[in-house]
Structures are given as structure tokens and as C-alpha cells.
Amino acid sequence: MSSPIVRPDISVVILAKNEEAKIGRCLERLASQRAPYRLETLLIDSGSTDRTIAIARERGATVVEIPPASFNYGTTRNEALRWVHGERVLFLTAHAYAADNTWLAELGRPLDLDPKTAAAFSREIPDDACPDLERRALEPIFPEGAYLQDLAGRSLEEFLAERRWVTFSNVSSIVRTEVLAAIPFRALPGAEDQEWAVRVLAAGHRIAYAAASRIVHYNDDPLPAMIRRTYRNWRVYAPLYHRRLGLGDLARSIPSSIAGEFAFARRRARRPVPHFLRSCVWWPAFWVAAYAGSRNPAWT
């Protein structure tokens, strides 16, 4: 008589392409977790030409290969439901890794405690190599204190009037499988996680920020990649939050951002002069990309 098939509690889904330098550490930290969950791990690879696939298989992950042209930040995550069996899906970025062995338990805890909480996401922290500029960008988005996002009887417009933004990140997130099946990600150029979170809240669910679940991550992209990412994200932010930037926004935001970096450089920067000089390039590039993206919305 065959043994009954035990359904995993959590299906870990990692999207990857040419991540051989970091996927091993990502999976090693996953394996080191102290958490009361049965796991399965799926890596969806969109055209790696290095050892990403081999490393993932060596560490016990199931690998599904898809054509590079079919990859999308949103719909590829929906496709994962075809291959996983868990009651929850944990999305993890291949170049991120758990800061300690409680990351997984802390990420799952909000869903354990509250059936109305549909999703939770981790606190992103930089590694030691992260420049001060990117470090400062992460801090206000991922504070030390946990919180819950819940409309609590308010309209979405009232909620956004208070917060301006919904925060959610698929760098390290967990969602109930049934909610993802009912509310799939959209095919968007970027910020698919925030757009999804807005619809989940509007449907009456809650989203938890699990600050005690710490994931080490930052985008160590060169300037052109940052510009492209910002442009893509703001194509979504503009219609999602009704924020179409104008030239006046550029005139205010660029000097304000640089002034903030100057004050930081004087007080806390590890390398004050390089930090400030880099910010004089980084922030104008960021805001111009945001402006351009907001003028070309992903939908109207």
C-alpha cells in the first residue's frame, strides 16, 4: 500500500536567469530555516546560460524552464500555480537570501495567526557592500516596526489618502494559494506586486509587513538598469496612484533629494564626498525616469 501524498504547507517559487553567483546562497539559507512548515522548492528559469539550473537541482529544487520571451514579472508567478502544491506560495528573488534562520517562520506567522491576512512580505535589508545611497532608499520603505495594511471599512481612496502608497514586495513574500488563484498578477512592465496588493486590499483582505522576517537584498544595478527599472515601475505607479508627474515635480524633487543626500553625507555617510557626487547623478536620473514613466502609463 502506497503512502499518502502529504501536501506541502509552503511552495517556494524562485524566478531566475543567470544567477549562478547567488542562487546557491539563496537556497542554502532557505535550507537552514527553523520553521514548522513542509516545503517544496520550484525554480522557474527563463533562459540561463550559466550554472543556475545545475546549482538549483544540486540543492534539491525542481526546475521548470521557460522561453525568455515568455517571462513576465506578474504572469510568470501565476504560471507557478501549475507546478506547485502548497497551501501558500512564497516568492523569493534568486539574488536575495535570508538574514537568519527565523526569516521563514516570521514570514509565515501573520498568515498563521489571522485567516483574513492574505499575504505578508519581509523587511529588506542591505548587505555590507550596499552603497549608502541605496541603503537610504531602503530604510523608509522597510522600517523596523511591523504593521498591517487593512482598509477596515474605508474605501481604497480613503486608505490611499492617508498612506499615499500600498507597500508590498515580491523579493520575499508569501501569499495564500487560494487568493492568488482568485486574484492573479497582471501582465505589467513592473511593480506587479504593488498593483496586486491594491486589488487584494480592495477585495477585503489584509496584508502584513513582517518586519522580523529579514531578507538581505538590494539592486546592485548600474545606473542604466536603475533608470529602466524606475521607468517601468512608474508606468504602473502613475495610473495606480493617480500620480502623473509634471515638470514642477522634477523642479522640486531633484533639488530636495540632493539636499537630503548632502545633509546625510555630512552626518553619516561612510564616504561623504563620493556619496554626494554620486547622488548628484543618481537622483536626477531617477526623477527623470519616473517622470517619463508616469507620462507613458501602462493603462489608462
Foldseek 3Di string as FASTA:
>chain_A
DDDDDDAWAEEEEEEDAQLVVALLQALVQVVLADAPTGYAYEYEYAYHPDCNVVSCVVSPHHYDYDHNVPDFPFVVVVVVVVPHGHQKYKFAYSRKHFPHRHLVRLQCVVVVVDVLAFKEFEQEAADPPDAPVQRVVRDVLRDQDKDKDACVPPALVVSCVVVVFDHDDSNTMMGGPVVCVVQGFDRALDPSGRLSVSVSRNVGGMYIYRHVNYMHDDPPDPLVVLLSRLLRVLLASCVSSVDQDDVVCLVPQLVVQLVVLLVCLVPPGPNSPVSSVVSNVRSNSNVVSSNNSNVNHPPD
